N, C-alpha and C. Protein backbone atom coordinates (compact mmCIF):
# COMPACT_ATOMS: atom_id res chain seq x y z
N MET A 1 0.82 -1.19 0.00
CA MET A 1 0.00 0.00 0.00
C MET A 1 0.87 1.26 0.00
N VAL A 2 1.90 1.26 0.83
CA VAL A 2 2.80 2.42 0.90
C VAL A 2 3.46 2.66 -0.45
N VAL A 3 3.87 1.58 -1.11
CA VAL A 3 4.53 1.71 -2.41
C VAL A 3 3.57 2.30 -3.44
N LEU A 4 2.30 1.89 -3.39
CA LEU A 4 1.32 2.44 -4.33
C LEU A 4 1.10 3.93 -4.10
N VAL A 5 0.95 4.31 -2.85
CA VAL A 5 0.75 5.73 -2.53
C VAL A 5 1.99 6.54 -2.91
N ALA A 6 3.16 6.02 -2.56
CA ALA A 6 4.41 6.72 -2.90
C ALA A 6 4.55 6.85 -4.41
N GLY A 7 4.19 5.81 -5.14
CA GLY A 7 4.26 5.86 -6.59
C GLY A 7 3.34 6.91 -7.18
N LYS A 8 2.19 7.09 -6.59
CA LYS A 8 1.24 8.10 -7.06
C LYS A 8 1.70 9.51 -6.71
N ILE A 9 2.20 9.70 -5.49
CA ILE A 9 2.57 11.02 -5.01
C ILE A 9 3.95 11.45 -5.51
N TRP A 10 4.93 10.54 -5.47
CA TRP A 10 6.31 10.90 -5.75
C TRP A 10 6.79 10.49 -7.13
N TYR A 11 5.93 9.95 -7.96
CA TYR A 11 6.39 9.47 -9.26
C TYR A 11 6.92 10.63 -10.10
N THR A 12 8.02 10.38 -10.76
CA THR A 12 8.59 11.34 -11.69
C THR A 12 9.24 10.55 -12.83
N GLU A 13 9.19 11.11 -14.02
CA GLU A 13 9.82 10.45 -15.17
C GLU A 13 11.33 10.38 -14.95
N ALA A 14 11.90 9.27 -15.33
CA ALA A 14 13.35 9.12 -15.26
C ALA A 14 13.98 10.04 -16.29
N SER A 15 15.06 10.66 -15.91
CA SER A 15 15.76 11.55 -16.84
C SER A 15 17.22 11.10 -16.95
N GLN A 16 17.93 11.75 -17.82
CA GLN A 16 19.34 11.42 -18.03
C GLN A 16 20.13 11.72 -16.75
N LEU A 17 21.04 10.84 -16.42
CA LEU A 17 21.90 11.04 -15.26
C LEU A 17 22.85 12.19 -15.54
N MET A 18 23.03 13.07 -14.54
CA MET A 18 23.95 14.19 -14.75
C MET A 18 25.35 13.66 -15.02
N PRO A 19 26.08 14.32 -15.91
CA PRO A 19 27.38 13.82 -16.36
C PRO A 19 28.36 13.51 -15.22
N ALA A 20 28.36 14.31 -14.16
CA ALA A 20 29.29 14.08 -13.05
C ALA A 20 29.04 12.73 -12.38
N LEU A 21 27.81 12.24 -12.44
CA LEU A 21 27.48 10.98 -11.78
C LEU A 21 27.50 9.78 -12.72
N ASP A 22 27.82 10.01 -13.97
CA ASP A 22 27.77 8.95 -14.97
C ASP A 22 28.96 8.01 -14.82
N ASN A 23 28.91 7.20 -13.79
CA ASN A 23 29.94 6.21 -13.51
C ASN A 23 29.21 4.92 -13.16
N THR A 24 29.04 4.06 -14.13
CA THR A 24 28.22 2.87 -13.97
C THR A 24 28.70 1.99 -12.83
N MET A 25 29.99 1.85 -12.64
CA MET A 25 30.50 0.97 -11.59
C MET A 25 30.08 1.47 -10.20
N TRP A 26 30.36 2.72 -9.89
CA TRP A 26 30.03 3.24 -8.55
C TRP A 26 28.53 3.41 -8.38
N LEU A 27 27.83 3.75 -9.44
CA LEU A 27 26.37 3.83 -9.38
C LEU A 27 25.80 2.47 -8.98
N THR A 28 26.24 1.43 -9.66
CA THR A 28 25.74 0.08 -9.40
C THR A 28 26.07 -0.37 -7.99
N ILE A 29 27.31 -0.21 -7.58
CA ILE A 29 27.73 -0.68 -6.26
C ILE A 29 27.02 0.11 -5.15
N HIS A 30 27.08 1.42 -5.22
CA HIS A 30 26.53 2.27 -4.16
C HIS A 30 25.02 2.10 -4.03
N VAL A 31 24.32 2.18 -5.14
CA VAL A 31 22.85 2.11 -5.09
C VAL A 31 22.39 0.72 -4.68
N THR A 32 23.06 -0.32 -5.16
CA THR A 32 22.70 -1.69 -4.77
C THR A 32 22.90 -1.89 -3.27
N LEU A 33 24.03 -1.45 -2.74
CA LEU A 33 24.28 -1.59 -1.30
C LEU A 33 23.28 -0.79 -0.49
N ALA A 34 22.98 0.43 -0.92
CA ALA A 34 22.01 1.26 -0.19
C ALA A 34 20.64 0.60 -0.18
N THR A 35 20.21 0.12 -1.32
CA THR A 35 18.89 -0.50 -1.42
C THR A 35 18.81 -1.77 -0.57
N LEU A 36 19.82 -2.61 -0.67
CA LEU A 36 19.83 -3.85 0.11
C LEU A 36 19.88 -3.59 1.61
N SER A 37 20.74 -2.66 2.03
CA SER A 37 20.86 -2.40 3.47
C SER A 37 19.58 -1.78 4.02
N VAL A 38 18.95 -0.87 3.28
CA VAL A 38 17.69 -0.29 3.74
C VAL A 38 16.61 -1.36 3.82
N ALA A 39 16.57 -2.25 2.85
CA ALA A 39 15.59 -3.35 2.90
C ALA A 39 15.80 -4.20 4.14
N LEU A 40 17.03 -4.49 4.47
CA LEU A 40 17.32 -5.29 5.67
C LEU A 40 17.00 -4.51 6.95
N PHE A 41 17.24 -3.20 6.94
CA PHE A 41 16.86 -2.37 8.09
C PHE A 41 15.34 -2.35 8.27
N VAL A 42 14.60 -2.33 7.18
CA VAL A 42 13.13 -2.37 7.26
C VAL A 42 12.68 -3.70 7.86
N ILE A 43 13.26 -4.80 7.40
CA ILE A 43 12.92 -6.11 7.98
C ILE A 43 13.30 -6.13 9.45
N GLY A 44 14.47 -5.58 9.79
CA GLY A 44 14.89 -5.50 11.18
C GLY A 44 13.93 -4.69 12.03
N ALA A 45 13.41 -3.59 11.48
CA ALA A 45 12.45 -2.76 12.21
C ALA A 45 11.14 -3.51 12.42
N ALA A 46 10.70 -4.24 11.39
CA ALA A 46 9.47 -5.04 11.53
C ALA A 46 9.65 -6.11 12.60
N LEU A 47 10.80 -6.74 12.61
CA LEU A 47 11.09 -7.73 13.66
C LEU A 47 11.15 -7.07 15.03
N ALA A 48 11.71 -5.87 15.09
CA ALA A 48 11.80 -5.15 16.37
C ALA A 48 10.41 -4.84 16.92
N VAL A 49 9.52 -4.39 16.06
CA VAL A 49 8.15 -4.09 16.50
C VAL A 49 7.46 -5.35 16.96
N THR A 50 7.61 -6.44 16.21
CA THR A 50 6.96 -7.70 16.63
C THR A 50 7.56 -8.20 17.94
N TYR A 51 8.87 -8.03 18.11
CA TYR A 51 9.49 -8.40 19.39
C TYR A 51 8.88 -7.61 20.54
N LEU A 52 8.78 -6.29 20.37
CA LEU A 52 8.24 -5.45 21.45
C LEU A 52 6.80 -5.82 21.77
N LEU A 53 6.00 -6.10 20.76
CA LEU A 53 4.61 -6.49 20.98
C LEU A 53 4.52 -7.84 21.68
N ARG A 54 5.29 -8.81 21.19
CA ARG A 54 5.27 -10.15 21.79
C ARG A 54 5.81 -10.11 23.22
N ASP A 55 6.87 -9.33 23.43
CA ASP A 55 7.46 -9.21 24.77
C ASP A 55 6.46 -8.61 25.75
N ALA A 56 5.75 -7.56 25.33
CA ALA A 56 4.74 -6.94 26.20
C ALA A 56 3.63 -7.93 26.52
N ALA A 57 3.21 -8.70 25.52
CA ALA A 57 2.16 -9.70 25.74
C ALA A 57 2.64 -10.80 26.68
N GLU A 58 3.88 -11.23 26.53
CA GLU A 58 4.43 -12.27 27.41
C GLU A 58 4.54 -11.77 28.85
N ARG A 59 4.92 -10.52 29.02
CA ARG A 59 5.04 -9.96 30.37
C ARG A 59 3.70 -9.92 31.10
N LYS A 60 2.63 -9.72 30.32
CA LYS A 60 1.29 -9.68 30.89
C LYS A 60 0.60 -11.04 30.85
N SER A 61 1.30 -12.05 30.33
CA SER A 61 0.74 -13.39 30.14
C SER A 61 -0.54 -13.34 29.31
N ARG A 62 -0.52 -12.55 28.27
CA ARG A 62 -1.68 -12.39 27.39
C ARG A 62 -1.29 -12.58 25.92
N VAL A 63 -0.60 -13.66 25.64
CA VAL A 63 -0.20 -13.94 24.27
C VAL A 63 -1.37 -14.63 23.58
N ARG A 64 -2.06 -13.85 22.73
CA ARG A 64 -3.26 -14.36 22.05
C ARG A 64 -3.24 -13.95 20.59
N GLY A 65 -4.15 -14.53 19.83
CA GLY A 65 -4.34 -14.14 18.44
C GLY A 65 -3.09 -14.35 17.61
N TRP A 66 -2.83 -13.39 16.74
CA TRP A 66 -1.70 -13.51 15.83
C TRP A 66 -0.36 -13.47 16.55
N LEU A 67 -0.31 -12.86 17.74
CA LEU A 67 0.94 -12.85 18.52
C LEU A 67 1.34 -14.25 18.95
N ALA A 68 0.33 -15.11 19.18
CA ALA A 68 0.62 -16.49 19.59
C ALA A 68 1.29 -17.27 18.46
N ALA A 69 1.08 -16.84 17.22
CA ALA A 69 1.68 -17.53 16.08
C ALA A 69 3.15 -17.15 15.87
N LEU A 70 3.58 -16.09 16.53
CA LEU A 70 4.96 -15.63 16.39
C LEU A 70 5.89 -16.45 17.27
N PRO A 71 7.18 -16.45 16.95
CA PRO A 71 8.15 -17.08 17.86
C PRO A 71 8.17 -16.35 19.20
N GLN A 72 8.79 -16.97 20.19
CA GLN A 72 8.95 -16.34 21.50
C GLN A 72 9.68 -15.01 21.35
N ALA A 73 9.45 -14.11 22.31
CA ALA A 73 10.04 -12.77 22.26
C ALA A 73 11.57 -12.84 22.15
N GLU A 74 12.20 -13.72 22.90
CA GLU A 74 13.66 -13.82 22.85
C GLU A 74 14.15 -14.18 21.46
N LYS A 75 13.44 -15.06 20.79
CA LYS A 75 13.81 -15.46 19.43
C LYS A 75 13.63 -14.28 18.47
N LEU A 76 12.54 -13.54 18.62
CA LEU A 76 12.31 -12.37 17.77
C LEU A 76 13.39 -11.31 17.98
N GLU A 77 13.80 -11.13 19.22
CA GLU A 77 14.85 -10.15 19.51
C GLU A 77 16.17 -10.60 18.89
N ALA A 78 16.47 -11.88 18.97
CA ALA A 78 17.70 -12.41 18.36
C ALA A 78 17.66 -12.24 16.84
N MET A 79 16.49 -12.43 16.24
CA MET A 79 16.35 -12.24 14.80
C MET A 79 16.53 -10.76 14.44
N THR A 80 16.00 -9.87 15.28
CA THR A 80 16.17 -8.43 15.07
C THR A 80 17.65 -8.07 15.08
N TYR A 81 18.35 -8.54 16.09
CA TYR A 81 19.78 -8.27 16.22
C TYR A 81 20.56 -8.85 15.04
N GLY A 82 20.24 -10.07 14.66
CA GLY A 82 20.91 -10.71 13.54
C GLY A 82 20.72 -9.95 12.23
N MET A 83 19.52 -9.45 12.02
CA MET A 83 19.25 -8.68 10.80
C MET A 83 20.10 -7.41 10.78
N HIS A 84 20.20 -6.75 11.92
CA HIS A 84 20.99 -5.52 12.00
C HIS A 84 22.50 -5.80 11.91
N ILE A 85 22.93 -6.92 12.44
CA ILE A 85 24.34 -7.30 12.33
C ILE A 85 24.73 -7.47 10.87
N PHE A 86 23.80 -7.95 10.07
CA PHE A 86 24.05 -8.13 8.64
C PHE A 86 23.90 -6.81 7.88
N ALA A 87 22.91 -6.00 8.22
CA ALA A 87 22.63 -4.77 7.49
C ALA A 87 23.67 -3.67 7.76
N PHE A 88 24.16 -3.60 8.98
CA PHE A 88 25.06 -2.50 9.35
C PHE A 88 26.34 -2.46 8.51
N PRO A 89 27.04 -3.57 8.31
CA PRO A 89 28.23 -3.49 7.44
C PRO A 89 27.89 -3.08 6.00
N LEU A 90 26.72 -3.50 5.53
CA LEU A 90 26.31 -3.09 4.18
C LEU A 90 26.09 -1.58 4.13
N TRP A 91 25.49 -1.03 5.21
CA TRP A 91 25.31 0.43 5.27
C TRP A 91 26.66 1.13 5.36
N THR A 92 27.59 0.53 6.08
CA THR A 92 28.95 1.08 6.18
C THR A 92 29.57 1.17 4.79
N PHE A 93 29.43 0.11 4.02
CA PHE A 93 29.97 0.11 2.65
C PHE A 93 29.19 1.07 1.75
N THR A 94 27.91 1.28 2.03
CA THR A 94 27.14 2.29 1.31
C THR A 94 27.77 3.67 1.52
N LEU A 95 28.09 3.97 2.76
CA LEU A 95 28.72 5.24 3.10
C LEU A 95 30.08 5.38 2.43
N ILE A 96 30.86 4.32 2.49
CA ILE A 96 32.21 4.34 1.90
C ILE A 96 32.15 4.48 0.38
N THR A 97 31.30 3.67 -0.27
CA THR A 97 31.23 3.75 -1.73
C THR A 97 30.65 5.07 -2.20
N GLY A 98 29.76 5.64 -1.40
CA GLY A 98 29.24 6.97 -1.73
C GLY A 98 30.35 8.01 -1.68
N ALA A 99 31.22 7.89 -0.68
CA ALA A 99 32.35 8.83 -0.58
C ALA A 99 33.32 8.66 -1.75
N ILE A 100 33.58 7.42 -2.12
CA ILE A 100 34.47 7.19 -3.26
C ILE A 100 33.85 7.74 -4.54
N TRP A 101 32.56 7.47 -4.72
CA TRP A 101 31.86 7.97 -5.92
C TRP A 101 31.87 9.51 -5.93
N ALA A 102 31.70 10.13 -4.76
CA ALA A 102 31.74 11.59 -4.67
C ALA A 102 33.12 12.13 -5.08
N GLU A 103 34.16 11.42 -4.68
CA GLU A 103 35.51 11.83 -5.07
C GLU A 103 35.67 11.76 -6.59
N VAL A 104 35.15 10.69 -7.18
CA VAL A 104 35.23 10.53 -8.63
C VAL A 104 34.39 11.60 -9.34
N ALA A 105 33.18 11.85 -8.83
CA ALA A 105 32.25 12.77 -9.49
C ALA A 105 32.55 14.24 -9.22
N TRP A 106 32.84 14.58 -7.99
CA TRP A 106 32.94 15.99 -7.60
C TRP A 106 34.32 16.40 -7.07
N GLY A 107 35.24 15.46 -6.98
CA GLY A 107 36.59 15.77 -6.52
C GLY A 107 36.72 15.94 -5.02
N ARG A 108 35.78 15.42 -4.28
CA ARG A 108 35.86 15.47 -2.81
C ARG A 108 35.07 14.29 -2.23
N TYR A 109 35.56 13.78 -1.11
CA TYR A 109 34.91 12.63 -0.48
C TYR A 109 33.68 13.02 0.33
N TRP A 110 33.72 14.20 0.91
CA TRP A 110 32.66 14.62 1.82
C TRP A 110 32.39 16.10 1.61
N GLY A 111 31.12 16.47 1.47
CA GLY A 111 30.81 17.86 1.23
C GLY A 111 29.71 18.42 2.12
N TRP A 112 29.36 17.70 3.16
CA TRP A 112 28.32 18.13 4.10
C TRP A 112 26.97 18.33 3.41
N ASP A 113 26.74 17.59 2.33
CA ASP A 113 25.44 17.56 1.69
C ASP A 113 24.44 16.94 2.67
N PRO A 114 23.20 17.41 2.73
CA PRO A 114 22.23 16.86 3.69
C PRO A 114 22.08 15.33 3.61
N LYS A 115 22.12 14.78 2.41
CA LYS A 115 22.01 13.33 2.25
C LYS A 115 23.23 12.63 2.85
N GLU A 116 24.39 13.19 2.65
CA GLU A 116 25.61 12.62 3.24
C GLU A 116 25.54 12.67 4.77
N VAL A 117 25.11 13.80 5.28
CA VAL A 117 25.02 13.96 6.73
C VAL A 117 24.03 12.94 7.32
N TRP A 118 22.86 12.82 6.71
CA TRP A 118 21.87 11.88 7.22
C TRP A 118 22.29 10.42 7.05
N THR A 119 23.05 10.14 6.02
CA THR A 119 23.60 8.78 5.87
C THR A 119 24.53 8.49 7.04
N PHE A 120 25.32 9.48 7.43
CA PHE A 120 26.21 9.31 8.58
C PHE A 120 25.41 9.23 9.89
N VAL A 121 24.37 10.04 10.03
CA VAL A 121 23.52 9.98 11.23
C VAL A 121 22.94 8.57 11.38
N ILE A 122 22.45 8.02 10.29
CA ILE A 122 21.91 6.66 10.31
C ILE A 122 22.98 5.68 10.76
N TRP A 123 24.17 5.82 10.23
CA TRP A 123 25.28 4.94 10.60
C TRP A 123 25.56 5.03 12.10
N VAL A 124 25.59 6.25 12.64
CA VAL A 124 25.87 6.45 14.07
C VAL A 124 24.77 5.84 14.93
N VAL A 125 23.51 6.03 14.55
CA VAL A 125 22.41 5.48 15.35
C VAL A 125 22.44 3.96 15.35
N TYR A 126 22.66 3.35 14.20
CA TYR A 126 22.73 1.88 14.17
C TYR A 126 23.99 1.36 14.88
N ALA A 127 25.08 2.11 14.82
CA ALA A 127 26.27 1.73 15.61
C ALA A 127 25.93 1.80 17.10
N ALA A 128 25.18 2.83 17.49
CA ALA A 128 24.75 2.95 18.89
C ALA A 128 23.85 1.78 19.28
N TYR A 129 22.97 1.35 18.36
CA TYR A 129 22.12 0.19 18.65
C TYR A 129 22.98 -1.05 18.90
N LEU A 130 23.91 -1.32 17.99
CA LEU A 130 24.74 -2.52 18.15
C LEU A 130 25.58 -2.43 19.42
N HIS A 131 26.05 -1.24 19.73
CA HIS A 131 26.83 -1.05 20.97
C HIS A 131 25.94 -1.25 22.20
N SER A 132 24.76 -0.65 22.18
CA SER A 132 23.87 -0.78 23.34
C SER A 132 23.40 -2.22 23.50
N ARG A 133 23.21 -2.91 22.40
CA ARG A 133 22.78 -4.32 22.47
C ARG A 133 23.87 -5.19 23.09
N ALA A 134 25.13 -4.81 22.86
CA ALA A 134 26.26 -5.59 23.39
C ALA A 134 26.69 -5.15 24.78
N THR A 135 26.11 -4.07 25.28
CA THR A 135 26.48 -3.53 26.59
C THR A 135 25.56 -4.09 27.66
N SER A 136 26.14 -4.60 28.72
CA SER A 136 25.33 -5.27 29.75
C SER A 136 24.43 -4.32 30.53
N SER A 137 24.73 -3.03 30.53
CA SER A 137 23.89 -2.10 31.30
C SER A 137 22.60 -1.74 30.57
N TRP A 138 22.47 -2.12 29.32
CA TRP A 138 21.26 -1.87 28.54
C TRP A 138 20.45 -3.15 28.44
N THR A 139 19.13 -3.03 28.54
CA THR A 139 18.29 -4.19 28.30
C THR A 139 18.11 -4.35 26.79
N LYS A 140 17.72 -5.53 26.39
CA LYS A 140 17.47 -5.78 24.97
C LYS A 140 16.30 -4.92 24.49
N ARG A 141 15.35 -4.70 25.37
CA ARG A 141 14.19 -3.87 25.03
C ARG A 141 14.64 -2.42 24.77
N GLN A 142 15.48 -1.88 25.64
CA GLN A 142 15.99 -0.52 25.45
C GLN A 142 16.79 -0.41 24.15
N ALA A 143 17.63 -1.39 23.89
CA ALA A 143 18.44 -1.38 22.67
C ALA A 143 17.54 -1.43 21.44
N THR A 144 16.45 -2.17 21.52
CA THR A 144 15.52 -2.28 20.39
C THR A 144 14.92 -0.92 20.05
N TYR A 145 14.66 -0.11 21.04
CA TYR A 145 14.16 1.24 20.78
C TYR A 145 15.19 2.07 20.02
N VAL A 146 16.47 1.84 20.28
CA VAL A 146 17.52 2.54 19.54
C VAL A 146 17.48 2.10 18.07
N ALA A 147 17.27 0.80 17.84
CA ALA A 147 17.16 0.30 16.46
C ALA A 147 15.98 0.96 15.74
N LEU A 148 14.88 1.12 16.43
CA LEU A 148 13.71 1.77 15.82
C LEU A 148 13.98 3.26 15.55
N THR A 149 14.80 3.87 16.39
CA THR A 149 15.23 5.25 16.13
C THR A 149 16.04 5.30 14.83
N GLY A 150 16.86 4.28 14.61
CA GLY A 150 17.60 4.18 13.35
C GLY A 150 16.67 4.12 12.15
N MET A 151 15.58 3.35 12.29
CA MET A 151 14.62 3.26 11.19
C MET A 151 13.94 4.60 10.96
N LEU A 152 13.65 5.33 12.04
CA LEU A 152 13.08 6.67 11.92
C LEU A 152 14.03 7.58 11.14
N CYS A 153 15.32 7.46 11.41
CA CYS A 153 16.32 8.25 10.68
C CYS A 153 16.35 7.89 9.20
N VAL A 154 16.19 6.60 8.89
CA VAL A 154 16.13 6.17 7.49
C VAL A 154 14.92 6.80 6.81
N ILE A 155 13.78 6.78 7.50
CA ILE A 155 12.56 7.36 6.94
C ILE A 155 12.73 8.87 6.71
N ILE A 156 13.34 9.55 7.65
CA ILE A 156 13.61 10.99 7.49
C ILE A 156 14.52 11.21 6.29
N ASN A 157 15.55 10.38 6.16
CA ASN A 157 16.50 10.52 5.05
C ASN A 157 15.82 10.34 3.70
N TYR A 158 14.92 9.39 3.61
CA TYR A 158 14.30 9.10 2.31
C TYR A 158 13.03 9.89 2.04
N THR A 159 12.56 10.65 3.01
CA THR A 159 11.37 11.47 2.77
C THR A 159 11.73 12.94 2.95
N VAL A 160 11.94 13.38 4.17
CA VAL A 160 12.19 14.80 4.45
C VAL A 160 13.41 15.31 3.69
N VAL A 161 14.53 14.61 3.79
CA VAL A 161 15.76 15.07 3.14
C VAL A 161 15.60 15.06 1.63
N ASN A 162 15.00 13.99 1.08
CA ASN A 162 14.84 13.93 -0.38
C ASN A 162 13.85 14.95 -0.90
N LEU A 163 12.79 15.23 -0.15
CA LEU A 163 11.71 16.06 -0.67
C LEU A 163 11.80 17.53 -0.30
N LEU A 164 12.39 17.84 0.85
CA LEU A 164 12.33 19.22 1.35
C LEU A 164 13.66 19.96 1.43
N ILE A 165 14.76 19.23 1.34
CA ILE A 165 16.07 19.87 1.53
C ILE A 165 16.85 19.78 0.23
N THR A 166 17.37 20.92 -0.20
CA THR A 166 18.14 20.97 -1.44
C THR A 166 19.61 20.69 -1.16
N GLY A 167 20.21 19.88 -2.02
CA GLY A 167 21.63 19.56 -1.90
C GLY A 167 22.11 18.91 -3.18
N LEU A 168 23.32 18.37 -3.14
CA LEU A 168 23.88 17.70 -4.31
C LEU A 168 23.08 16.47 -4.71
N HIS A 169 22.33 15.90 -3.79
CA HIS A 169 21.52 14.72 -4.10
C HIS A 169 20.10 15.10 -4.53
N SER A 170 19.85 16.36 -4.81
CA SER A 170 18.52 16.82 -5.21
C SER A 170 18.38 16.79 -6.74
N TYR A 171 18.51 15.60 -7.31
CA TYR A 171 18.42 15.48 -8.76
C TYR A 171 17.33 14.52 -9.20
N SER A 172 16.49 14.10 -8.28
CA SER A 172 15.46 13.11 -8.62
C SER A 172 14.30 13.72 -9.39
N GLY A 173 14.10 15.02 -9.27
CA GLY A 173 12.97 15.65 -9.91
C GLY A 173 11.71 15.58 -9.07
N VAL A 174 11.81 14.99 -7.88
CA VAL A 174 10.64 14.85 -7.00
C VAL A 174 10.43 16.13 -6.21
N ALA A 175 11.49 16.74 -5.71
CA ALA A 175 11.37 17.91 -4.85
C ALA A 175 10.86 19.11 -5.62
């Protein structure tokens, strides 16, 4: 449903890639990594929400309906963590390949473009999640909220930053 609405609201005709970005190798690597890592972060966020719901139901001894069909809360949390353990290095490589592509295209690795900044913010938040998950003073539930904050940052990056903020990445024709 979200994809259909987004397609109706944000659809724009594809246009020629600006000459500075016309590098098939870095385009393919960077965009593929970004797409794959965001997809895995979305799955991780869905698992995080199901973990929090199942955990709350288990604490109240009220596991009923569709929640009863889910794995135990501990298993859902482990799946959430596992998904993020896999997605985070891919996002790291997204950041790195974007910097390399920027050097090739614009002659600099980092230019404080809003998209670059938010890509780094996302990286920091997910690094904080993995750190908090591995730290004994944090509960798994608390760490899961940090992971969901990371997903919120991804949503901000792909909506607010793409649609409302002008920068070097403002070439989609949507804004």
